[in-house]
């Protein structure tokens, strides 16, 4: 059985891999599809904003927006 430290290190490595993978895939899309995807991303975050009241959840949402902005190029 893996230790908590090994599990955390595995998750951190996955996170480091996912961002450049998603960013590469996103930037490979045609501009029309990217524009549509950004609209959907904005709508989803807007819905999260409206339904989130917990302070800890709001912090995580803010951090998620930063990552989504970096990956998509959108200003969220």
Protein backbone atom coordinates (compact mmCIF):
# COMPACT_ATOMS: atom_id res chain seq x y z
CA UNK A 1 0.00 0.00 0.00
CA UNK A 2 1.29 3.44 -0.91
CA UNK A 3 1.98 6.01 1.75
CA UNK A 4 0.16 9.33 1.94
CA UNK A 5 3.35 11.05 0.78
CA UNK A 6 3.56 8.83 -2.31
CA UNK A 7 -0.08 9.48 -3.15
CA UNK A 8 0.38 13.26 -2.76
CA UNK A 9 3.53 13.21 -4.92
CA UNK A 10 1.68 11.24 -7.59
CA UNK A 11 -1.22 13.72 -7.59
CA UNK A 12 1.16 16.69 -7.76
CA UNK A 13 2.95 15.12 -10.74
CA UNK A 14 -0.35 14.54 -12.50
CA UNK A 15 -1.38 18.16 -11.98
CA UNK A 16 1.93 19.34 -13.40
CA UNK A 17 1.38 17.15 -16.45
CA UNK A 18 -2.28 18.02 -17.07
CA UNK A 19 -1.89 21.77 -17.44
CA UNK A 20 0.57 21.73 -20.36
CA UNK A 21 -1.33 18.85 -21.95
CA UNK A 22 -4.66 20.70 -21.85
CA UNK A 23 -2.99 23.93 -22.92
CA UNK A 24 -1.39 22.23 -25.92
CA UNK A 25 -4.68 20.62 -26.92
CA UNK A 26 -6.60 23.87 -26.49
CA UNK A 27 -4.16 25.90 -28.59
CA UNK A 28 -4.35 23.28 -31.33
CA UNK A 29 -8.08 23.91 -31.78
CA UNK A 30 -9.39 26.14 -34.58
CA UNK A 31 -10.17 29.69 -33.40
CA UNK A 32 -13.93 29.23 -33.80
CA UNK A 33 -13.96 26.21 -31.48
CA UNK A 34 -11.66 27.97 -28.97
CA UNK A 35 -14.05 30.93 -28.88
CA UNK A 36 -17.01 28.65 -28.27
CA UNK A 37 -15.12 26.74 -25.56
CA UNK A 38 -14.17 30.00 -23.81
CA UNK A 39 -17.84 31.06 -23.74
CA UNK A 40 -18.78 27.76 -22.11
CA UNK A 41 -15.91 28.04 -19.61
CA UNK A 42 -17.07 31.56 -18.70
CA UNK A 43 -20.68 30.37 -18.29
CA UNK A 44 -19.61 27.49 -16.08
CA UNK A 45 -17.49 29.68 -13.83
CA UNK A 46 -20.31 32.21 -13.65
CA UNK A 47 -22.62 29.44 -12.43
CA UNK A 48 -20.04 28.31 -9.88
CA UNK A 49 -19.66 31.90 -8.68
CA UNK A 50 -23.39 32.21 -8.17
CA UNK A 51 -23.72 28.95 -6.28
CA UNK A 52 -20.64 29.14 -4.07
CA UNK A 53 -20.87 30.78 -0.67
CA UNK A 54 -18.37 28.85 1.44
CA UNK A 55 -15.18 30.88 1.95
CA UNK A 56 -12.86 27.88 1.45
CA UNK A 57 -14.68 26.90 -1.75
CA UNK A 58 -14.42 30.48 -3.03
CA UNK A 59 -10.63 30.34 -2.58
CA UNK A 60 -10.44 27.10 -4.56
CA UNK A 61 -12.70 28.56 -7.24
CA UNK A 62 -10.44 31.60 -7.55
CA UNK A 63 -7.38 29.34 -7.93
CA UNK A 64 -9.23 27.23 -10.52
CA UNK A 65 -10.03 30.37 -12.53
CA UNK A 66 -6.35 31.28 -12.64
CA UNK A 67 -5.47 27.87 -14.01
CA UNK A 68 -8.36 27.86 -16.50
CA UNK A 69 -7.31 31.34 -17.67
CA UNK A 70 -3.74 30.22 -18.13
CA UNK A 71 -4.77 27.11 -20.08
CA UNK A 72 -7.41 28.80 -22.27
CA UNK A 73 -6.08 32.32 -22.60
CA UNK A 74 -9.45 33.65 -21.40
CA UNK A 75 -9.72 36.40 -18.81
CA UNK A 76 -11.96 34.87 -16.16
